[in-house]
Structures are given as C-alpha cells and as structure tokens.
Amino acid sequence: MKFIEVKIGKIFGNFGMKKILLVEDEINVVNFIQKGLTEEDFEVSVALNGLMGLQMAMNNSYDLIVLDI
C-alpha cells in the first residue's frame, strides 16, 4: 500500500487535489484505504453503499471518487 500512497500523493499533490470519496462496502477495505490516504494528507469521505455514494457525490464536491465495482 505504501507504494500506491506515494504515487497518489505525487500525482494529486501537484494539482491540489485533496478531497476523495471512497465508495466501498467492505469495512476492512475501507479502513485500509482510508488509513493510507489520510496518512498522505487526503481528506477521505466514505460511503458504504452505492446509494449513499451517489447522494454524497451529488451534494458535495470531490476531486476523486473511488468506486468498488
């Protein structure tokens, strides 16, 4: 995960992108991804299902949305 964190930080750090919406229903996966992203100073919001994710995406502004497909 550290490799991914560093790469994401380098990519988004250059563009000022900091706010991420993570849509994932597996709490262990949420905790893992959220921990890595917050350690790289990203603001992570979590939706535990698609409907919640859609509502959050429509009512807030995010730089990136990560979906569990």
C-alpha atoms as a PDB file:
ATOM      1  CA  MET A   1       0.000   0.000   0.000  1.00  0.00           C
ATOM      2  CA  LYS A   2       2.849   2.414   0.708  1.00  0.00           C
ATOM      3  CA  PHE A   3       3.882   2.337  -2.981  1.00  0.00           C
ATOM      4  CA  ILE A   4       0.360   3.303  -4.035  1.00  0.00           C
ATOM      5  CA  GLU A   5       0.146   6.030  -1.380  1.00  0.00           C
ATOM      6  CA  VAL A   6       3.359   7.664  -2.556  1.00  0.00           C
ATOM      7  CA  LYS A   7       2.343   7.562  -6.207  1.00  0.00           C
ATOM      8  CA  ILE A   8      -1.113   9.024  -5.459  1.00  0.00           C
ATOM      9  CA  GLY A   9       0.430  11.729  -3.285  1.00  0.00           C
ATOM     10  CA  LYS A  10       2.835  12.741  -6.044  1.00  0.00           C
ATOM     11  CA  ILE A  11       0.136  12.804  -8.704  1.00  0.00           C
ATOM     12  CA  PHE A  12      -2.510  14.721  -6.780  1.00  0.00           C
ATOM     13  CA  GLY A  13      -0.099  16.870  -4.792  1.00  0.00           C
ATOM     14  CA  ASN A  14       0.784  18.709  -7.984  1.00  0.00           C
ATOM     15  CA  PHE A  15      -2.830  19.623  -8.704  1.00  0.00           C
ATOM     16  CA  GLY A  16      -4.053  20.472  -5.219  1.00  0.00           C
ATOM     17  CA  MET A  17      -6.482  17.547  -5.210  1.00  0.00           C
ATOM     18  CA  LYS A  18      -7.214  16.596  -1.645  1.00  0.00           C
ATOM     19  CA  LYS A  19     -10.864  15.567  -1.251  1.00  0.00           C
ATOM     20  CA  ILE A  20     -11.704  11.936  -2.046  1.00  0.00           C
ATOM     21  CA  LEU A  21     -14.961   9.997  -1.840  1.00  0.00           C
ATOM     22  CA  LEU A  22     -14.453   6.269  -1.251  1.00  0.00           C
ATOM     23  CA  VAL A  23     -17.466   4.064  -2.047  1.00  0.00           C
ATOM     24  CA  GLU A  24     -16.835   0.622  -0.557  1.00  0.00           C
ATOM     25  CA  ASP A  25     -18.991  -1.824   1.405  1.00  0.00           C
ATOM     26  CA  GLU A  26     -16.209  -3.936   2.971  1.00  0.00           C
ATOM     27  CA  ILE A  27     -15.225  -2.190   6.214  1.00  0.00           C
ATOM     28  CA  ASN A  28     -11.758  -3.798   6.308  1.00  0.00           C
ATOM     29  CA  VAL A  29     -11.019  -2.469   2.827  1.00  0.00           C
ATOM     30  CA  VAL A  30     -12.368   0.955   3.827  1.00  0.00           C
ATOM     31  CA  ASN A  31     -10.106   1.071   6.872  1.00  0.00           C
ATOM     32  CA  PHE A  32      -7.042   0.031   4.863  1.00  0.00           C
ATOM     33  CA  ILE A  33      -7.541   2.537   2.035  1.00  0.00           C
ATOM     34  CA  GLN A  34      -8.682   5.358   4.311  1.00  0.00           C
ATOM     35  CA  LYS A  35      -5.653   4.937   6.583  1.00  0.00           C
ATOM     36  CA  GLY A  36      -3.235   5.108   3.670  1.00  0.00           C
ATOM     37  CA  LEU A  37      -4.871   8.140   2.095  1.00  0.00           C
ATOM     38  CA  THR A  38      -5.226  10.120   5.322  1.00  0.00           C
ATOM     39  CA  GLU A  39      -1.554   9.453   6.104  1.00  0.00           C
ATOM     40  CA  GLU A  40      -0.810  11.203   2.800  1.00  0.00           C
ATOM     41  CA  ASP A  41      -2.956  14.183   3.917  1.00  0.00           C
ATOM     42  CA  PHE A  42      -6.024  13.457   1.813  1.00  0.00           C
ATOM     43  CA  GLU A  43      -9.497  14.184   3.182  1.00  0.00           C
ATOM     44  CA  VAL A  44     -11.437  10.937   2.754  1.00  0.00           C
ATOM     45  CA  SER A  45     -15.221  10.647   2.947  1.00  0.00           C
ATOM     46  CA  VAL A  46     -16.704   7.153   2.976  1.00  0.00           C
ATOM     47  CA  ALA A  47     -19.975   5.815   1.589  1.00  0.00           C
ATOM     48  CA  LEU A  48     -20.780   2.223   2.494  1.00  0.00           C
ATOM     49  CA  ASN A  49     -23.135   1.629  -0.440  1.00  0.00           C
ATOM     50  CA  GLY A  50     -23.880   2.965  -3.898  1.00  0.00           C
ATOM     51  CA  LEU A  51     -26.953   4.990  -2.941  1.00  0.00           C
ATOM     52  CA  MET A  52     -25.089   6.736  -0.153  1.00  0.00           C
ATOM     53  CA  GLY A  53     -22.193   7.360  -2.548  1.00  0.00           C
ATOM     54  CA  LEU A  54     -24.495   8.875  -5.160  1.00  0.00           C
ATOM     55  CA  GLN A  55     -26.122  11.172  -2.608  1.00  0.00           C
ATOM     56  CA  MET A  56     -22.747  12.287  -1.254  1.00  0.00           C
ATOM     57  CA  ALA A  57     -21.376  12.877  -4.767  1.00  0.00           C
ATOM     58  CA  MET A  58     -24.398  14.965  -5.726  1.00  0.00           C
ATOM     59  CA  ASN A  59     -24.314  17.076  -2.546  1.00  0.00           C
ATOM     60  CA  ASN A  60     -20.553  17.628  -2.194  1.00  0.00           C
ATOM     61  CA  SER A  61     -17.555  18.405  -4.312  1.00  0.00           C
ATOM     62  CA  TYR A  62     -14.798  15.780  -4.608  1.00  0.00           C
ATOM     63  CA  ASP A  63     -11.552  15.765  -6.546  1.00  0.00           C
ATOM     64  CA  LEU A  64     -11.685  11.990  -6.943  1.00  0.00           C
ATOM     65  CA  ILE A  65     -14.292   9.268  -6.421  1.00  0.00           C
ATOM     66  CA  VAL A  66     -13.050   5.714  -5.853  1.00  0.00           C
ATOM     67  CA  LEU A  67     -15.712   3.058  -6.509  1.00  0.00           C
ATOM     68  CA  ASP A  68     -15.927  -0.592  -5.536  1.00  0.00           C
ATOM     69  CA  ILE A  69     -17.164  -2.351  -8.662  1.00  0.00           C
END
